Amino acid sequence: MNKPLLTLSSKIPDHNIIDMANPEKFESLYVNDNSFDMGHLNTKGAEDYTRLLAMEFVKIKARTHNNVYTKKTR
């Protein structure tokens, strides 16, 4: 992997990283029906990926919003 990319990712808090590389958590991304080839999703897989990524992003946003709100009210 590219060293600058690794350096950047090490500066992101773990709770803000979305890791979609877990086939147990994101099983639908790893089934043959959603694959175009070995490393790429087909249209159905890409739509599923986008939906799952959005759901994970919302979880992070909600957690961040709740933390900011909690800090302001103390």
PDB file of N, CA and C in Angstrom:
ATOM      1  N   MET A   1       0.850  -1.189   0.000  1.00  0.00           N
ATOM      2  CA  MET A   1       0.000   0.000   0.000  1.00  0.00           C
ATOM      3  C   MET A   1       0.886   1.240   0.000  1.00  0.00           C
ATOM      4  N   ASN A   2       0.365   2.283  -0.517  1.00  0.00           N
ATOM      5  CA  ASN A   2       1.069   3.545  -0.630  1.00  0.00           C
ATOM      6  C   ASN A   2       1.344   4.130   0.749  1.00  0.00           C
ATOM      7  N   LYS A   3       2.613   4.487   1.034  1.00  0.00           N
ATOM      8  CA  LYS A   3       2.981   4.994   2.351  1.00  0.00           C
ATOM      9  C   LYS A   3       2.199   6.252   2.754  1.00  0.00           C
ATOM     10  N   PRO A   4       2.035   7.266   1.886  1.00  0.00           N
ATOM     11  CA  PRO A   4       1.239   8.434   2.305  1.00  0.00           C
ATOM     12  C   PRO A   4      -0.189   8.066   2.698  1.00  0.00           C
ATOM     13  N   LEU A   5      -0.769   7.085   2.017  1.00  0.00           N
ATOM     14  CA  LEU A   5      -2.122   6.656   2.362  1.00  0.00           C
ATOM     15  C   LEU A   5      -2.136   6.011   3.745  1.00  0.00           C
ATOM     16  N   LEU A   6      -1.147   5.185   4.034  1.00  0.00           N
ATOM     17  CA  LEU A   6      -1.054   4.582   5.361  1.00  0.00           C
ATOM     18  C   LEU A   6      -0.864   5.650   6.425  1.00  0.00           C
ATOM     19  N   THR A   7      -0.046   6.637   6.145  1.00  0.00           N
ATOM     20  CA  THR A   7       0.178   7.720   7.100  1.00  0.00           C
ATOM     21  C   THR A   7      -1.118   8.459   7.382  1.00  0.00           C
ATOM     22  N   LEU A   8      -1.875   8.761   6.348  1.00  0.00           N
ATOM     23  CA  LEU A   8      -3.147   9.460   6.521  1.00  0.00           C
ATOM     24  C   LEU A   8      -4.131   8.618   7.322  1.00  0.00           C
ATOM     25  N   SER A   9      -4.255   7.340   6.978  1.00  0.00           N
ATOM     26  CA  SER A   9      -5.231   6.502   7.677  1.00  0.00           C
ATOM     27  C   SER A   9      -4.871   6.305   9.143  1.00  0.00           C
ATOM     28  N   SER A  10      -3.606   6.403   9.486  1.00  0.00           N
ATOM     29  CA  SER A  10      -3.219   6.260  10.892  1.00  0.00           C
ATOM     30  C   SER A  10      -3.626   7.484  11.723  1.00  0.00           C
ATOM     31  N   LYS A  11      -3.930   8.577  11.067  1.00  0.00           N
ATOM     32  CA  LYS A  11      -4.342   9.800  11.773  1.00  0.00           C
ATOM     33  C   LYS A  11      -5.853   9.877  11.984  1.00  0.00           C
ATOM     34  N   ILE A  12      -6.599   8.970  11.361  1.00  0.00           N
ATOM     35  CA  ILE A  12      -8.051   8.947  11.508  1.00  0.00           C
ATOM     36  C   ILE A  12      -8.393   8.116  12.741  1.00  0.00           C
ATOM     37  N   PRO A  13      -9.208   8.629  13.647  1.00  0.00           N
ATOM     38  CA  PRO A  13      -9.593   7.839  14.813  1.00  0.00           C
ATOM     39  C   PRO A  13     -10.273   6.539  14.392  1.00  0.00           C
ATOM     40  N   ASP A  14      -9.962   5.455  15.080  1.00  0.00           N
ATOM     41  CA  ASP A  14     -10.516   4.146  14.737  1.00  0.00           C
ATOM     42  C   ASP A  14     -12.037   4.167  14.643  1.00  0.00           C
ATOM     43  N   HIS A  15     -12.695   4.926  15.505  1.00  0.00           N
ATOM     44  CA  HIS A  15     -14.161   4.946  15.500  1.00  0.00           C
ATOM     45  C   HIS A  15     -14.737   5.665  14.271  1.00  0.00           C
ATOM     46  N   ASN A  16     -13.884   6.305  13.462  1.00  0.00           N
ATOM     47  CA  ASN A  16     -14.334   6.969  12.243  1.00  0.00           C
ATOM     48  C   ASN A  16     -13.964   6.203  10.979  1.00  0.00           C
ATOM     49  N   ILE A  17     -13.376   5.031  11.122  1.00  0.00           N
ATOM     50  CA  ILE A  17     -12.991   4.233   9.959  1.00  0.00           C
ATOM     51  C   ILE A  17     -14.115   3.263   9.625  1.00  0.00           C
ATOM     52  N   ILE A  18     -14.496   3.232   8.369  1.00  0.00           N
ATOM     53  CA  ILE A  18     -15.498   2.283   7.887  1.00  0.00           C
ATOM     54  C   ILE A  18     -14.743   1.185   7.153  1.00  0.00           C
ATOM     55  N   ASP A  19     -14.725   0.005   7.731  1.00  0.00           N
ATOM     56  CA  ASP A  19     -14.022  -1.139   7.156  1.00  0.00           C
ATOM     57  C   ASP A  19     -15.052  -2.089   6.562  1.00  0.00           C
ATOM     58  N   MET A  20     -15.115  -2.133   5.257  1.00  0.00           N
ATOM     59  CA  MET A  20     -16.088  -2.976   4.563  1.00  0.00           C
ATOM     60  C   MET A  20     -15.478  -4.323   4.164  1.00  0.00           C
ATOM     61  N   ALA A  21     -14.313  -4.645   4.673  1.00  0.00           N
ATOM     62  CA  ALA A  21     -13.584  -5.847   4.252  1.00  0.00           C
ATOM     63  C   ALA A  21     -13.879  -7.070   5.115  1.00  0.00           C
ATOM     64  N   ASN A  22     -14.972  -7.053   5.854  1.00  0.00           N
ATOM     65  CA  ASN A  22     -15.314  -8.193   6.697  1.00  0.00           C
ATOM     66  C   ASN A  22     -16.458  -8.974   6.048  1.00  0.00           C
ATOM     67  N   PRO A  23     -16.142 -10.141   5.437  1.00  0.00           N
ATOM     68  CA  PRO A  23     -17.191 -10.895   4.753  1.00  0.00           C
ATOM     69  C   PRO A  23     -18.258 -11.461   5.688  1.00  0.00           C
ATOM     70  N   GLU A  24     -17.972 -11.547   6.958  1.00  0.00           N
ATOM     71  CA  GLU A  24     -18.996 -12.017   7.898  1.00  0.00           C
ATOM     72  C   GLU A  24     -20.002 -10.907   8.193  1.00  0.00           C
ATOM     73  N   LYS A  25     -19.540  -9.674   8.259  1.00  0.00           N
ATOM     74  CA  LYS A  25     -20.421  -8.545   8.546  1.00  0.00           C
ATOM     75  C   LYS A  25     -21.138  -8.054   7.284  1.00  0.00           C
ATOM     76  N   PHE A  26     -20.442  -8.110   6.144  1.00  0.00           N
ATOM     77  CA  PHE A  26     -20.992  -7.612   4.882  1.00  0.00           C
ATOM     78  C   PHE A  26     -21.025  -8.747   3.859  1.00  0.00           C
ATOM     79  N   GLU A  27     -21.709  -9.805   4.221  1.00  0.00           N
ATOM     80  CA  GLU A  27     -21.737 -11.031   3.426  1.00  0.00           C
ATOM     81  C   GLU A  27     -22.169 -10.802   1.980  1.00  0.00           C
ATOM     82  N   SER A  28     -23.148  -9.939   1.773  1.00  0.00           N
ATOM     83  CA  SER A  28     -23.684  -9.744   0.420  1.00  0.00           C
ATOM     84  C   SER A  28     -22.639  -9.184  -0.545  1.00  0.00           C
ATOM     85  N   LEU A  29     -21.624  -8.518  -0.034  1.00  0.00           N
ATOM     86  CA  LEU A  29     -20.583  -7.974  -0.906  1.00  0.00           C
ATOM     87  C   LEU A  29     -19.626  -9.049  -1.408  1.00  0.00           C
ATOM     88  N   TYR A  30     -19.711 -10.224  -0.835  1.00  0.00           N
ATOM     89  CA  TYR A  30     -18.753 -11.276  -1.150  1.00  0.00           C
ATOM     90  C   TYR A  30     -19.399 -12.489  -1.818  1.00  0.00           C
ATOM     91  N   VAL A  31     -20.650 -12.387  -2.212  1.00  0.00           N
ATOM     92  CA  VAL A  31     -21.298 -13.495  -2.920  1.00  0.00           C
ATOM     93  C   VAL A  31     -21.072 -13.329  -4.423  1.00  0.00           C
ATOM     94  N   ASN A  32     -20.984 -14.446  -5.119  1.00  0.00           N
ATOM     95  CA  ASN A  32     -20.701 -14.419  -6.559  1.00  0.00           C
ATOM     96  C   ASN A  32     -21.744 -13.643  -7.349  1.00  0.00           C
ATOM     97  N   ASP A  33     -23.000 -13.685  -6.926  1.00  0.00           N
ATOM     98  CA  ASP A  33     -24.071 -12.986  -7.660  1.00  0.00           C
ATOM     99  C   ASP A  33     -23.869 -11.467  -7.702  1.00  0.00           C
ATOM    100  N   ASN A  34     -23.082 -10.928  -6.785  1.00  0.00           N
ATOM    101  CA  ASN A  34     -22.845  -9.488  -6.740  1.00  0.00           C
ATOM    102  C   ASN A  34     -21.482  -9.087  -7.302  1.00  0.00           C
ATOM    103  N   SER A  35     -20.766 -10.042  -7.880  1.00  0.00           N
ATOM    104  CA  SER A  35     -19.422  -9.783  -8.401  1.00  0.00           C
ATOM    105  C   SER A  35     -19.407  -9.685  -9.912  1.00  0.00           C
ATOM    106  N   PHE A  36     -18.608  -8.735 -10.399  1.00  0.00           N
ATOM    107  CA  PHE A  36     -18.357  -8.632 -11.828  1.00  0.00           C
ATOM    108  C   PHE A  36     -17.180  -9.528 -12.188  1.00  0.00           C
ATOM    109  N   ASP A  37     -16.116  -9.408 -11.392  1.00  0.00           N
ATOM    110  CA  ASP A  37     -14.961 -10.282 -11.496  1.00  0.00           C
ATOM    111  C   ASP A  37     -14.334 -10.375 -10.108  1.00  0.00           C
ATOM    112  N   MET A  38     -13.132 -10.904 -10.019  1.00  0.00           N
ATOM    113  CA  MET A  38     -12.506 -11.186  -8.720  1.00  0.00           C
ATOM    114  C   MET A  38     -12.432  -9.955  -7.794  1.00  0.00           C
ATOM    115  N   GLY A  39     -12.240  -8.772  -8.322  1.00  0.00           N
ATOM    116  CA  GLY A  39     -12.045  -7.607  -7.464  1.00  0.00           C
ATOM    117  C   GLY A  39     -13.064  -6.498  -7.634  1.00  0.00           C
ATOM    118  N   HIS A  40     -14.136  -6.763  -8.400  1.00  0.00           N
ATOM    119  CA  HIS A  40     -15.088  -5.695  -8.688  1.00  0.00           C
ATOM    120  C   HIS A  40     -16.521  -6.178  -8.518  1.00  0.00           C
ATOM    121  N   LEU A  41     -17.354  -5.268  -8.065  1.00  0.00           N
ATOM    122  CA  LEU A  41     -18.780  -5.563  -7.920  1.00  0.00           C
ATOM    123  C   LEU A  41     -19.525  -5.270  -9.210  1.00  0.00           C
ATOM    124  N   ASN A  42     -20.604  -5.994  -9.439  1.00  0.00           N
ATOM    125  CA  ASN A  42     -21.486  -5.676 -10.562  1.00  0.00           C
ATOM    126  C   ASN A  42     -22.465  -4.591 -10.098  1.00  0.00           C
ATOM    127  N   THR A  43     -23.429  -4.248 -10.930  1.00  0.00           N
ATOM    128  CA  THR A  43     -24.369  -3.173 -10.586  1.00  0.00           C
ATOM    129  C   THR A  43     -25.120  -3.476  -9.293  1.00  0.00           C
ATOM    130  N   LYS A  44     -25.634  -4.684  -9.164  1.00  0.00           N
ATOM    131  CA  LYS A  44     -26.369  -5.053  -7.945  1.00  0.00           C
ATOM    132  C   LYS A  44     -25.448  -4.972  -6.718  1.00  0.00           C
ATOM    133  N   GLY A  45     -24.232  -5.460  -6.850  1.00  0.00           N
ATOM    134  CA  GLY A  45     -23.278  -5.407  -5.743  1.00  0.00           C
ATOM    135  C   GLY A  45     -22.893  -3.974  -5.390  1.00  0.00           C
ATOM    136  N   ALA A  46     -22.721  -3.138  -6.406  1.00  0.00           N
ATOM    137  CA  ALA A  46     -22.366  -1.734  -6.167  1.00  0.00           C
ATOM    138  C   ALA A  46     -23.494  -0.993  -5.461  1.00  0.00           C
ATOM    139  N   GLU A  47     -24.718  -1.298  -5.844  1.00  0.00           N
ATOM    140  CA  GLU A  47     -25.867  -0.672  -5.169  1.00  0.00           C
ATOM    141  C   GLU A  47     -25.932  -1.118  -3.711  1.00  0.00           C
ATOM    142  N   ASP A  48     -25.677  -2.395  -3.468  1.00  0.00           N
ATOM    143  CA  ASP A  48     -25.673  -2.919  -2.097  1.00  0.00           C
ATOM    144  C   ASP A  48     -24.542  -2.289  -1.291  1.00  0.00           C
ATOM    145  N   TYR A  49     -23.371  -2.172  -1.901  1.00  0.00           N
ATOM    146  CA  TYR A  49     -22.220  -1.541  -1.244  1.00  0.00           C
ATOM    147  C   TYR A  49     -22.555  -0.101  -0.848  1.00  0.00           C
ATOM    148  N   THR A  50     -23.156   0.632  -1.768  1.00  0.00           N
ATOM    149  CA  THR A  50     -23.506   2.032  -1.496  1.00  0.00           C
ATOM    150  C   THR A  50     -24.498   2.127  -0.340  1.00  0.00           C
ATOM    151  N   ARG A  51     -25.502   1.250  -0.333  1.00  0.00           N
ATOM    152  CA  ARG A  51     -26.496   1.246   0.751  1.00  0.00           C
ATOM    153  C   ARG A  51     -25.828   0.924   2.083  1.00  0.00           C
ATOM    154  N   LEU A  52     -24.973  -0.106   2.110  1.00  0.00           N
ATOM    155  CA  LEU A  52     -24.294  -0.499   3.356  1.00  0.00           C
ATOM    156  C   LEU A  52     -23.334   0.585   3.838  1.00  0.00           C
ATOM    157  N   LEU A  53     -22.610   1.197   2.902  1.00  0.00           N
ATOM    158  CA  LEU A  53     -21.684   2.268   3.268  1.00  0.00           C
ATOM    159  C   LEU A  53     -22.445   3.453   3.860  1.00  0.00           C
ATOM    160  N   ALA A  54     -23.571   3.792   3.257  1.00  0.00           N
ATOM    161  CA  ALA A  54     -24.391   4.897   3.777  1.00  0.00           C
ATOM    162  C   ALA A  54     -24.878   4.587   5.191  1.00  0.00           C
ATOM    163  N   MET A  55     -25.291   3.347   5.425  1.00  0.00           N
ATOM    164  CA  MET A  55     -25.761   2.960   6.759  1.00  0.00           C
ATOM    165  C   MET A  55     -24.630   3.062   7.787  1.00  0.00           C
ATOM    166  N   GLU A  56     -23.436   2.648   7.420  1.00  0.00           N
ATOM    167  CA  GLU A  56     -22.292   2.748   8.323  1.00  0.00           C
ATOM    168  C   GLU A  56     -21.932   4.212   8.575  1.00  0.00           C
ATOM    169  N   PHE A  57     -22.009   5.031   7.537  1.00  0.00           N
ATOM    170  CA  PHE A  57     -21.723   6.455   7.679  1.00  0.00           C
ATOM    171  C   PHE A  57     -22.711   7.117   8.638  1.00  0.00           C
ATOM    172  N   VAL A  58     -23.981   6.761   8.522  1.00  0.00           N
ATOM    173  CA  VAL A  58     -25.011   7.318   9.409  1.00  0.00           C
ATOM    174  C   VAL A  58     -24.708   6.938  10.857  1.00  0.00           C
ATOM    175  N   LYS A  59     -24.251   5.714  11.085  1.00  0.00           N
ATOM    176  CA  LYS A  59     -23.897   5.296  12.454  1.00  0.00           C
ATOM    177  C   LYS A  59     -22.780   6.182  13.014  1.00  0.00           C
ATOM    178  N   ILE A  60     -21.770   6.454  12.200  1.00  0.00           N
ATOM    179  CA  ILE A  60     -20.663   7.308  12.645  1.00  0.00           C
ATOM    180  C   ILE A  60     -21.157   8.726  12.885  1.00  0.00           C
ATOM    181  N   LYS A  61     -21.966   9.254  11.971  1.00  0.00           N
ATOM    182  CA  LYS A  61     -22.491  10.609  12.130  1.00  0.00           C
ATOM    183  C   LYS A  61     -23.325  10.726  13.399  1.00  0.00           C
ATOM    184  N   ALA A  62     -24.160   9.737  13.665  1.00  0.00           N
ATOM    185  CA  ALA A  62     -25.006   9.766  14.859  1.00  0.00           C
ATOM    186  C   ALA A  62     -24.148   9.718  16.108  1.00  0.00           C
ATOM    187  N   ARG A  63     -23.146   8.868  16.092  1.00  0.00           N
ATOM    188  CA  ARG A  63     -22.255   8.748  17.254  1.00  0.00           C
ATOM    189  C   ARG A  63     -21.498  10.061  17.473  1.00  0.00           C
ATOM    190  N   THR A  64     -21.008  10.658  16.392  1.00  0.00           N
ATOM    191  CA  THR A  64     -20.278  11.924  16.482  1.00  0.00           C
ATOM    192  C   THR A  64     -21.201  13.032  16.967  1.00  0.00           C
ATOM    193  N   HIS A  65     -22.402  13.089  16.406  1.00  0.00           N
ATOM    194  CA  HIS A  65     -23.379  14.113  16.807  1.00  0.00           C
ATOM    195  C   HIS A  65     -23.715  13.962  18.294  1.00  0.00           C
ATOM    196  N   ASN A  66     -23.944  12.752  18.739  1.00  0.00           N
ATOM    197  CA  ASN A  66     -24.279  12.523  20.147  1.00  0.00           C
ATOM    198  C   ASN A  66     -23.130  12.924  21.060  1.00  0.00           C
ATOM    199  N   ASN A  67     -21.889  12.654  20.641  1.00  0.00           N
ATOM    200  CA  ASN A  67     -20.733  13.042  21.452  1.00  0.00           C
ATOM    201  C   ASN A  67     -20.595  14.552  21.529  1.00  0.00           C
ATOM    202  N   VAL A  68     -20.809  15.240  20.424  1.00  0.00           N
ATOM    203  CA  VAL A  68     -20.725  16.705  20.413  1.00  0.00           C
ATOM    204  C   VAL A  68     -21.826  17.280  21.278  1.00  0.00           C
ATOM    205  N   TYR A  69     -23.024  16.764  21.154  1.00  0.00           N
ATOM    206  CA  TYR A  69     -24.146  17.252  21.923  1.00  0.00           C
ATOM    207  C   TYR A  69     -23.907  17.041  23.416  1.00  0.00           C
ATOM    208  N   THR A  70     -23.381  15.871  23.770  1.00  0.00           N
ATOM    209  CA  THR A  70     -23.110  15.567  25.167  1.00  0.00           C
ATOM    210  C   THR A  70     -22.068  16.520  25.730  1.00  0.00           C
ATOM    211  N   LYS A  71     -21.012  16.803  24.966  1.00  0.00           N
ATOM    212  CA  LYS A  71     -19.950  17.688  25.435  1.00  0.00           C
ATOM    213  C   LYS A  71     -20.465  19.111  25.654  1.00  0.00           C
ATOM    214  N   LYS A  72     -21.376  19.579  24.799  1.00  0.00           N
ATOM    215  CA  LYS A  72     -21.895  20.936  24.905  1.00  0.00           C
ATOM    216  C   LYS A  72     -22.828  21.103  26.094  1.00  0.00           C
ATOM    217  N   THR A  73     -23.486  20.043  26.513  1.00  0.00           N
ATOM    218  CA  THR A  73     -24.477  20.177  27.569  1.00  0.00           C
ATOM    219  C   THR A  73     -23.899  19.933  28.962  1.00  0.00           C
ATOM    220  N   ARG A  74     -22.687  19.551  29.056  1.00  0.00           N
ATOM    221  CA  ARG A  74     -22.083  19.305  30.375  1.00  0.00           C
ATOM    222  C   ARG A  74     -21.700  20.549  31.077  1.00  0.00           C
TER     223      ARG A  74
END
